[in-house]
Amino acid sequence: MEGDFVTEHLPFPMPSRKHTLSQEWRNLTFMHWEVDLEKLRPHVPEDLEIDTFEGKAYIGVVPFMMKNVRPTWFVSTPFVSTFPEFNIRTYVKKDGIAGVFFLTLEAKSFITCNFAPKAYGLPYRYAKGSLKKHNSIVTWKSSRQNGKYNIQGVTRINGVSQQAKKGSLEEFLFERYSLYTEQKGKVMRGYTHHKKWDFQTAEVELDNNSLTESFELGIKDCLTPELVHYSEGVRVRTYSIEIAERIGEDINRDFLFLDGDCGLCHRLATFVDKRMSKNANLGYRPNNSADAKRVIASMPQKFIDADTVYLIRNGKPYMKSSAAIRCLLYMKWHYRIFYPICWIVPLPIRNIAYSIVARFRHKIFKQPKVCSFRID
């Protein structure tokens, strides 16, 4: 099984943190159409660049079986972990990291359709569906509960198994190891780890495709895909989503944003830095730096309005006392033992104390003439 998670083919490293979900994507039919950029743009967040191949944008419609979906700490559950899914996706990138963006994900799973939008910002919608494979024939269909958005067809597999060649259209369409979502108006990124895709050419007969038609992408014939491929599938590890804005190339680097004019903030940065664990990967920025402003602007509104200390850890933002306490995790072991103790105090009380200290910090701690904590 570990052979399913080799890293040599990946265009960027996976996060160093533990993956959150294990799953399998099986019996996938990939149907693709070229689409007009102007018609696609309204469906994609402005902060994402629509990725193109030789100047052409594409959408993919993918019916498949989601199998054995489970958190890393749990086992696959019958009647819950396996279900048919039908998604419409397009291809995007941000800061050079190519990924996919889903216009919709239709799934026969109440749990997924309730959990995934909240946890990942993914646009899941419940739909009744089925997918069956017999020899080289795959039949599939999906319909939302109101019966308005349907897709139904048959896949006939006719090619030999292959992998995408470097620089090919197939590489552009298949070899993507991140996804982007929009959660509360903010662009988020998630990573997906699996082996390189093995696929075959195929033909599709579509009986109905009102699902794709509903997005009004200007496709001339939604019943005739321009490209069709089939794959037996892959085992997949997925990671928790993170804010898409980042500083530098190291996706595993965390950052502490501090007030560059605050003596207390300078003391905190110096205190942590001198006692840093050898394995810690933490950088610092003043709140008013261009890097910090860009990242803070990508956070939820309550963070933007706070004007406080921020910690970006594993791509997730923390502020005020929650950020300060987590600084212990970057320090040597005899400091980290205090980490669980700090959570005994309830959050409202911690933040009240934090706010009082923050209000009077300039009177207690001498204001530095220049920002002197480490910036790298």
Protein backbone atom coordinates (compact mmCIF):
# COMPACT_ATOMS: atom_id res chain seq x y z
CA MET A 1 0.00 0.00 0.00
CA GLU A 2 2.88 2.38 0.69
CA GLY A 3 3.71 2.11 -3.02
CA ASP A 4 0.52 4.06 -3.64
CA PHE A 5 2.08 7.04 -1.89
CA VAL A 6 5.46 7.48 -3.50
CA THR A 7 6.59 11.08 -3.90
CA GLU A 8 8.94 11.12 -6.89
CA HIS A 9 6.22 12.23 -9.33
CA LEU A 10 4.81 15.04 -7.17
CA PRO A 11 5.32 18.60 -8.46
CA PHE A 12 5.57 19.86 -4.87
CA PRO A 13 5.97 18.23 -1.44
CA MET A 14 2.98 17.20 0.62
CA PRO A 15 2.41 18.84 4.02
CA SER A 16 4.51 17.45 6.85
CA ARG A 17 1.43 17.14 9.05
CA LYS A 18 -0.65 13.95 9.16
CA HIS A 19 -3.29 13.55 6.47
CA THR A 20 -6.88 13.77 7.72
CA LEU A 21 -8.77 11.40 5.40
CA SER A 22 -8.05 8.14 3.58
CA GLN A 23 -10.17 7.12 0.60
CA GLU A 24 -10.21 5.45 -2.80
CA TRP A 25 -11.39 6.89 -6.11
CA ARG A 26 -12.48 3.98 -8.31
CA ASN A 27 -13.91 3.34 -11.80
CA LEU A 28 -13.55 6.92 -12.98
CA THR A 29 -14.73 8.20 -16.35
CA PHE A 30 -13.10 11.52 -17.28
CA MET A 31 -15.08 13.53 -19.83
CA HIS A 32 -13.66 16.87 -20.96
CA TRP A 33 -14.90 19.82 -22.98
CA GLU A 34 -13.10 22.99 -24.01
CA VAL A 35 -14.91 26.04 -22.58
CA ASP A 36 -14.89 29.78 -23.18
CA LEU A 37 -12.82 31.60 -20.54
CA GLU A 38 -15.35 34.41 -20.26
CA LYS A 39 -18.18 31.99 -19.53
CA LEU A 40 -16.09 30.02 -17.04
CA ARG A 41 -14.74 33.04 -15.14
CA PRO A 42 -17.94 33.81 -13.14
CA HIS A 43 -17.81 30.30 -11.66
CA VAL A 44 -14.23 30.64 -10.36
CA PRO A 45 -13.09 32.92 -7.48
CA GLU A 46 -11.24 36.04 -8.61
CA ASP A 47 -8.17 35.10 -6.53
CA LEU A 48 -7.66 31.97 -8.63
CA GLU A 49 -6.09 31.97 -12.07
CA ILE A 50 -7.85 29.74 -14.58
CA ASP A 51 -5.20 27.33 -15.84
CA THR A 52 -5.06 26.71 -19.59
CA PHE A 53 -3.33 24.31 -21.96
CA GLU A 54 -2.10 25.99 -25.12
CA GLY A 55 -4.49 28.83 -24.38
CA LYS A 56 -7.54 26.59 -23.93
CA ALA A 57 -9.59 26.16 -20.75
CA TYR A 58 -11.33 22.89 -19.93
CA ILE A 59 -13.98 21.48 -17.66
CA GLY A 60 -14.14 17.85 -16.66
CA VAL A 61 -17.19 15.80 -15.71
CA VAL A 62 -16.21 12.77 -13.64
CA PRO A 63 -18.54 9.96 -12.49
CA PHE A 64 -16.84 7.52 -10.12
CA MET A 65 -17.13 5.52 -6.92
CA MET A 66 -15.85 7.04 -3.72
CA LYS A 67 -14.77 4.05 -1.64
CA ASN A 68 -13.72 3.47 1.97
CA VAL A 69 -13.74 7.15 2.95
CA ARG A 70 -12.66 7.46 6.56
CA PRO A 71 -10.78 9.69 8.97
CA THR A 72 -7.23 8.47 9.57
CA TRP A 73 -8.16 7.45 13.12
CA PHE A 74 -11.24 5.40 12.15
CA VAL A 75 -12.25 2.42 10.04
CA SER A 76 -14.31 2.26 6.87
CA THR A 77 -18.03 2.05 7.69
CA PRO A 78 -20.52 0.00 5.62
CA PHE A 79 -23.26 2.05 3.87
CA VAL A 80 -21.42 5.26 4.80
CA SER A 81 -17.86 5.14 3.43
CA THR A 82 -18.67 4.06 -0.14
CA PHE A 83 -20.97 5.92 -2.55
CA PRO A 84 -21.18 7.15 -6.16
CA GLU A 85 -20.05 10.70 -6.88
CA PHE A 86 -20.36 12.90 -9.97
CA ASN A 87 -18.39 16.13 -10.13
CA ILE A 88 -17.77 18.99 -12.52
CA ARG A 89 -14.30 20.48 -12.20
CA THR A 90 -12.06 22.95 -13.90
CA TYR A 91 -8.34 23.67 -13.69
CA VAL A 92 -6.80 26.54 -11.77
CA LYS A 93 -3.60 27.62 -10.10
CA LYS A 94 -2.36 30.03 -7.49
CA ASP A 95 1.25 30.98 -6.81
CA GLY A 96 2.33 28.34 -9.31
CA ILE A 97 0.52 25.50 -7.52
CA ALA A 98 -1.80 23.83 -10.02
CA GLY A 99 -5.02 22.30 -8.78
CA VAL A 100 -8.67 21.69 -9.47
CA PHE A 101 -11.73 23.75 -8.59
CA PHE A 102 -15.12 22.06 -8.35
CA LEU A 103 -18.24 23.69 -9.70
CA THR A 104 -20.33 20.96 -8.08
CA LEU A 105 -19.98 17.55 -6.45
CA GLU A 106 -23.09 15.38 -6.58
CA ALA A 107 -22.94 12.50 -4.11
CA LYS A 108 -25.22 9.84 -2.70
CA SER A 109 -24.11 10.47 0.87
CA PHE A 110 -25.99 12.59 3.39
CA ILE A 111 -22.97 12.62 5.72
CA THR A 112 -20.53 13.83 3.06
CA CYS A 113 -22.97 16.41 1.72
CA ASN A 114 -23.38 17.87 5.22
CA PHE A 115 -19.80 17.54 6.45
CA ALA A 116 -17.67 18.49 3.43
CA PRO A 117 -19.16 21.97 2.80
CA LYS A 118 -18.56 22.95 6.43
CA ALA A 119 -15.12 21.38 6.83
CA TYR A 120 -13.70 21.98 3.35
CA GLY A 121 -15.97 24.50 1.63
CA LEU A 122 -16.64 21.96 -1.12
CA PRO A 123 -19.97 22.45 -2.99
CA TYR A 124 -21.44 19.00 -2.30
CA ARG A 125 -25.09 18.38 -3.15
CA TYR A 126 -27.05 15.24 -2.39
CA ALA A 127 -28.09 13.26 -5.47
CA LYS A 128 -29.37 9.77 -6.02
CA GLY A 129 -26.91 7.90 -8.19
CA SER A 130 -25.45 4.56 -9.22
CA LEU A 131 -22.35 3.27 -10.97
CA LYS A 132 -21.73 -0.31 -12.09
CA LYS A 133 -18.86 -1.87 -14.01
CA HIS A 134 -19.06 -5.14 -15.97
CA ASN A 135 -15.99 -6.13 -17.98
CA SER A 136 -15.18 -3.10 -20.16
CA ILE A 137 -18.58 -1.41 -19.73
CA VAL A 138 -19.43 1.12 -16.99
CA THR A 139 -22.99 2.40 -16.59
CA TRP A 140 -23.78 5.38 -14.40
CA LYS A 141 -26.48 7.90 -13.62
CA SER A 142 -27.18 10.65 -11.12
CA SER A 143 -30.18 12.85 -10.34
CA ARG A 144 -30.68 15.50 -7.70
CA GLN A 145 -33.69 15.08 -5.44
CA ASN A 146 -35.75 17.61 -7.37
CA GLY A 147 -35.05 15.68 -10.57
CA LYS A 148 -33.92 18.82 -12.36
CA TYR A 149 -30.19 18.14 -12.67
CA ASN A 150 -29.39 14.77 -14.19
CA ILE A 151 -26.57 12.96 -15.91
CA GLN A 152 -26.67 9.45 -17.33
CA GLY A 153 -24.41 7.49 -19.61
CA VAL A 154 -22.34 4.45 -20.53
CA THR A 155 -18.55 4.22 -20.73
CA ARG A 156 -16.91 1.73 -23.10
CA ILE A 157 -13.23 1.20 -22.32
CA ASN A 158 -11.19 0.52 -25.47
CA GLY A 159 -7.59 1.56 -24.85
CA VAL A 160 -4.48 0.18 -23.21
CA SER A 161 -3.33 1.36 -19.83
CA GLN A 162 -0.90 4.29 -19.97
CA GLN A 163 0.43 7.26 -18.05
CA ALA A 164 0.55 10.87 -19.17
CA LYS A 165 3.60 11.97 -21.12
CA LYS A 166 5.51 15.04 -20.02
CA GLY A 167 4.00 18.21 -21.42
CA SER A 168 0.90 16.47 -22.79
CA LEU A 169 -2.73 17.52 -22.43
CA GLU A 170 -3.30 14.38 -20.36
CA GLU A 171 -0.64 15.49 -17.90
CA PHE A 172 -2.37 18.87 -17.65
CA LEU A 173 -5.74 17.22 -16.95
CA PHE A 174 -4.66 14.38 -14.67
CA GLU A 175 -1.53 15.23 -12.74
CA ARG A 176 -2.90 17.63 -10.12
CA TYR A 177 -2.33 17.16 -6.42
CA SER A 178 -4.23 20.02 -4.86
CA LEU A 179 -7.74 21.37 -4.83
CA TYR A 180 -9.05 24.85 -4.19
CA THR A 181 -12.26 25.81 -2.45
CA GLU A 182 -13.98 28.99 -1.36
CA GLN A 183 -14.97 29.09 2.29
CA LYS A 184 -16.74 32.15 3.69
CA GLY A 185 -15.54 34.16 0.71
CA LYS A 186 -11.89 33.15 1.18
CA VAL A 187 -9.86 30.89 -1.12
CA MET A 188 -8.51 27.77 0.58
CA ARG A 189 -6.17 25.03 -0.63
CA GLY A 190 -6.11 21.33 0.15
CA TYR A 191 -3.55 18.71 -0.88
CA THR A 192 -4.24 15.24 -2.29
CA HIS A 193 -1.57 12.55 -2.34
CA HIS A 194 -1.75 9.51 -4.59
CA LYS A 195 0.33 7.72 -7.19
CA LYS A 196 0.53 8.87 -10.78
CA TRP A 197 -2.63 8.18 -12.76
CA ASP A 198 -2.95 5.08 -14.97
CA PHE A 199 -5.68 5.59 -17.54
CA GLN A 200 -7.15 4.24 -20.78
CA THR A 201 -8.92 5.85 -23.70
CA ALA A 202 -12.67 5.24 -23.82
CA GLU A 203 -15.92 6.19 -25.48
CA VAL A 204 -19.04 7.56 -23.81
CA GLU A 205 -22.70 7.56 -24.74
CA LEU A 206 -24.50 10.28 -22.82
CA ASP A 207 -28.28 9.98 -22.63
CA ASN A 208 -28.78 13.05 -20.48
CA ASN A 209 -26.56 15.85 -19.20
CA SER A 210 -28.73 18.62 -17.80
CA LEU A 211 -26.23 18.84 -14.92
CA THR A 212 -23.47 20.31 -17.12
CA GLU A 213 -25.96 22.33 -19.18
CA SER A 214 -27.17 24.10 -16.04
CA PHE A 215 -23.87 25.99 -15.70
CA GLU A 216 -24.31 27.63 -19.12
CA LEU A 217 -20.65 27.28 -20.08
CA GLY A 218 -21.32 27.69 -23.78
CA ILE A 219 -20.65 24.05 -24.61
CA LYS A 220 -22.16 23.35 -28.04
CA ASP A 221 -22.98 19.71 -27.37
CA CYS A 222 -23.06 18.54 -23.74
CA LEU A 223 -23.80 14.99 -24.93
CA THR A 224 -20.53 14.67 -26.88
CA PRO A 225 -17.33 15.03 -24.82
CA GLU A 226 -14.24 16.10 -26.75
CA LEU A 227 -11.99 13.83 -24.69
CA VAL A 228 -12.83 10.64 -22.78
CA HIS A 229 -10.56 8.62 -20.52
CA TYR A 230 -11.13 5.87 -17.99
CA SER A 231 -9.12 4.92 -14.89
CA GLU A 232 -9.46 2.04 -12.45
CA GLY A 233 -8.49 4.61 -9.83
CA VAL A 234 -6.13 5.37 -6.97
CA ARG A 235 -5.85 5.28 -3.20
CA VAL A 236 -5.81 8.82 -1.83
CA ARG A 237 -4.70 10.70 1.25
CA THR A 238 -6.20 14.14 1.71
CA TYR A 239 -5.09 16.91 4.05
CA SER A 240 -7.00 19.56 5.95
CA ILE A 241 -7.54 22.74 3.96
CA GLU A 242 -5.46 25.83 4.62
CA ILE A 243 -5.50 29.47 3.60
CA ALA A 244 -4.20 29.62 0.05
CA GLU A 245 -2.02 32.69 0.57
CA ARG A 246 1.50 31.78 1.63
CA ILE A 247 4.93 33.28 2.19
CA GLY A 248 7.85 31.72 0.33
CA GLU A 249 8.10 28.30 -1.30
CA ASP A 250 8.12 26.12 1.83
CA ILE A 251 4.50 24.97 2.30
CA ASN A 252 5.39 23.55 5.73
CA ARG A 253 6.69 26.82 7.16
CA ASP A 254 4.55 28.45 9.84
CA PHE A 255 4.56 32.19 10.54
CA LEU A 256 4.08 34.43 13.55
CA PHE A 257 2.86 37.96 12.79
CA LEU A 258 3.68 40.53 15.47
CA ASP A 259 3.45 44.28 16.01
CA GLY A 260 6.81 45.61 14.84
CA ASP A 261 6.41 48.69 17.08
CA CYS A 262 5.62 46.75 20.24
CA GLY A 263 8.24 46.03 22.91
CA LEU A 264 6.22 43.09 24.24
CA CYS A 265 6.02 41.51 20.78
CA HIS A 266 9.78 41.86 20.38
CA ARG A 267 10.30 40.16 23.74
CA LEU A 268 7.95 37.34 22.76
CA ALA A 269 9.71 36.76 19.42
CA THR A 270 13.15 36.85 21.06
CA PHE A 271 12.05 34.56 23.89
CA VAL A 272 10.65 31.94 21.51
CA ASP A 273 13.53 32.20 19.04
CA LYS A 274 16.25 31.60 21.65
CA ARG A 275 14.44 28.51 22.92
CA MET A 276 13.36 27.11 19.58
CA SER A 277 13.28 23.37 19.02
CA LYS A 278 15.65 22.06 16.33
CA ASN A 279 12.69 20.71 14.34
CA ALA A 280 10.66 23.93 14.47
CA ASN A 281 9.92 25.64 11.16
CA LEU A 282 8.70 29.10 12.17
CA GLY A 283 9.21 32.48 10.57
CA TYR A 284 8.32 35.98 11.75
CA ARG A 285 6.86 39.04 10.09
CA PRO A 286 5.71 42.45 11.37
CA ASN A 287 1.94 42.88 10.98
CA ASN A 288 2.44 45.87 8.71
CA SER A 289 4.76 44.08 6.28
CA ALA A 290 3.48 43.39 2.76
CA ASP A 291 3.67 39.62 3.30
CA ALA A 292 1.69 39.73 6.53
CA LYS A 293 -0.94 42.12 5.16
CA ARG A 294 -1.52 39.86 2.16
CA VAL A 295 -1.99 36.76 4.33
CA ILE A 296 -4.13 38.51 6.94
CA ALA A 297 -6.41 39.79 4.16
CA SER A 298 -7.09 36.16 3.19
CA MET A 299 -8.32 35.26 6.69
CA PRO A 300 -11.93 35.33 7.93
CA GLN A 301 -13.25 38.82 8.68
CA LYS A 302 -13.00 38.48 12.45
CA PHE A 303 -9.24 37.99 12.08
CA ILE A 304 -8.90 40.95 9.74
CA ASP A 305 -10.70 43.20 12.21
CA ALA A 306 -8.75 42.03 15.26
CA ASP A 307 -5.37 43.77 14.66
CA THR A 308 -3.50 41.47 17.03
CA VAL A 309 -0.88 38.72 17.15
CA TYR A 310 -1.45 36.05 14.51
CA LEU A 311 0.01 32.58 14.13
CA ILE A 312 -0.32 30.62 10.89
CA ARG A 313 0.14 26.98 11.89
CA ASN A 314 -0.41 24.17 9.36
CA GLY A 315 -2.12 26.72 7.14
CA LYS A 316 -4.71 27.59 9.80
CA PRO A 317 -4.81 31.05 11.44
CA TYR A 318 -4.93 31.68 15.18
CA MET A 319 -4.98 34.97 17.04
CA LYS A 320 -4.69 36.55 20.49
CA SER A 321 -4.18 34.03 23.33
CA SER A 322 -4.77 31.04 21.03
CA ALA A 323 -1.80 32.18 18.93
CA ALA A 324 0.41 32.99 21.92
CA ILE A 325 -0.13 29.62 23.62
CA ARG A 326 0.65 27.70 20.44
CA CYS A 327 4.07 29.36 20.34
CA LEU A 328 5.02 26.82 23.02
CA LEU A 329 4.79 24.07 20.39
CA TYR A 330 7.87 25.46 18.61
CA MET A 331 10.00 25.48 21.75
CA LYS A 332 12.12 22.84 23.45
CA TRP A 333 10.41 19.98 25.24
CA HIS A 334 10.54 21.41 28.77
CA TYR A 335 8.52 24.41 27.54
CA ARG A 336 6.07 22.32 25.53
CA ILE A 337 4.92 20.49 28.70
CA PHE A 338 3.13 23.70 29.70
CA TYR A 339 1.04 23.66 26.53
CA PRO A 340 -1.87 21.50 27.82
CA ILE A 341 -1.90 23.37 31.14
CA CYS A 342 -2.52 26.70 29.41
CA TRP A 343 -5.83 25.46 28.00
CA ILE A 344 -7.31 25.04 31.49
CA VAL A 345 -8.19 28.73 31.50
CA PRO A 346 -11.39 29.29 29.42
CA LEU A 347 -10.98 31.19 26.15
CA PRO A 348 -13.05 34.28 27.17
CA ILE A 349 -10.97 34.78 30.31
CA ARG A 350 -7.71 34.24 28.41
CA ASN A 351 -8.66 36.79 25.78
CA ILE A 352 -9.79 39.35 28.36
CA ALA A 353 -6.41 39.07 30.05
CA TYR A 354 -4.71 39.26 26.67
CA SER A 355 -6.66 42.39 25.72
CA ILE A 356 -5.78 44.14 28.99
CA VAL A 357 -2.07 43.42 28.49
CA ALA A 358 -2.27 44.49 24.83
CA ARG A 359 -3.97 47.76 25.76
CA PHE A 360 -1.26 48.84 28.18
CA ARG A 361 1.73 47.15 26.55
CA HIS A 362 3.30 50.41 25.29
CA LYS A 363 3.26 51.81 28.83
CA ILE A 364 4.86 48.71 30.31
CA PHE A 365 7.36 47.77 27.59
CA LYS A 366 9.64 50.25 25.91
CA GLN A 367 8.75 50.79 22.25
CA PRO A 368 11.64 49.75 19.94
CA LYS A 369 13.01 52.29 17.48
CA VAL A 370 13.17 49.68 14.71
CA CYS A 371 11.77 46.19 14.23
CA SER A 372 14.58 43.94 15.46
CA PHE A 373 13.13 40.42 15.64
CA ARG A 374 14.26 37.88 13.05
CA ILE A 375 12.67 38.09 9.60
CA ASP A 376 13.50 35.34 7.11
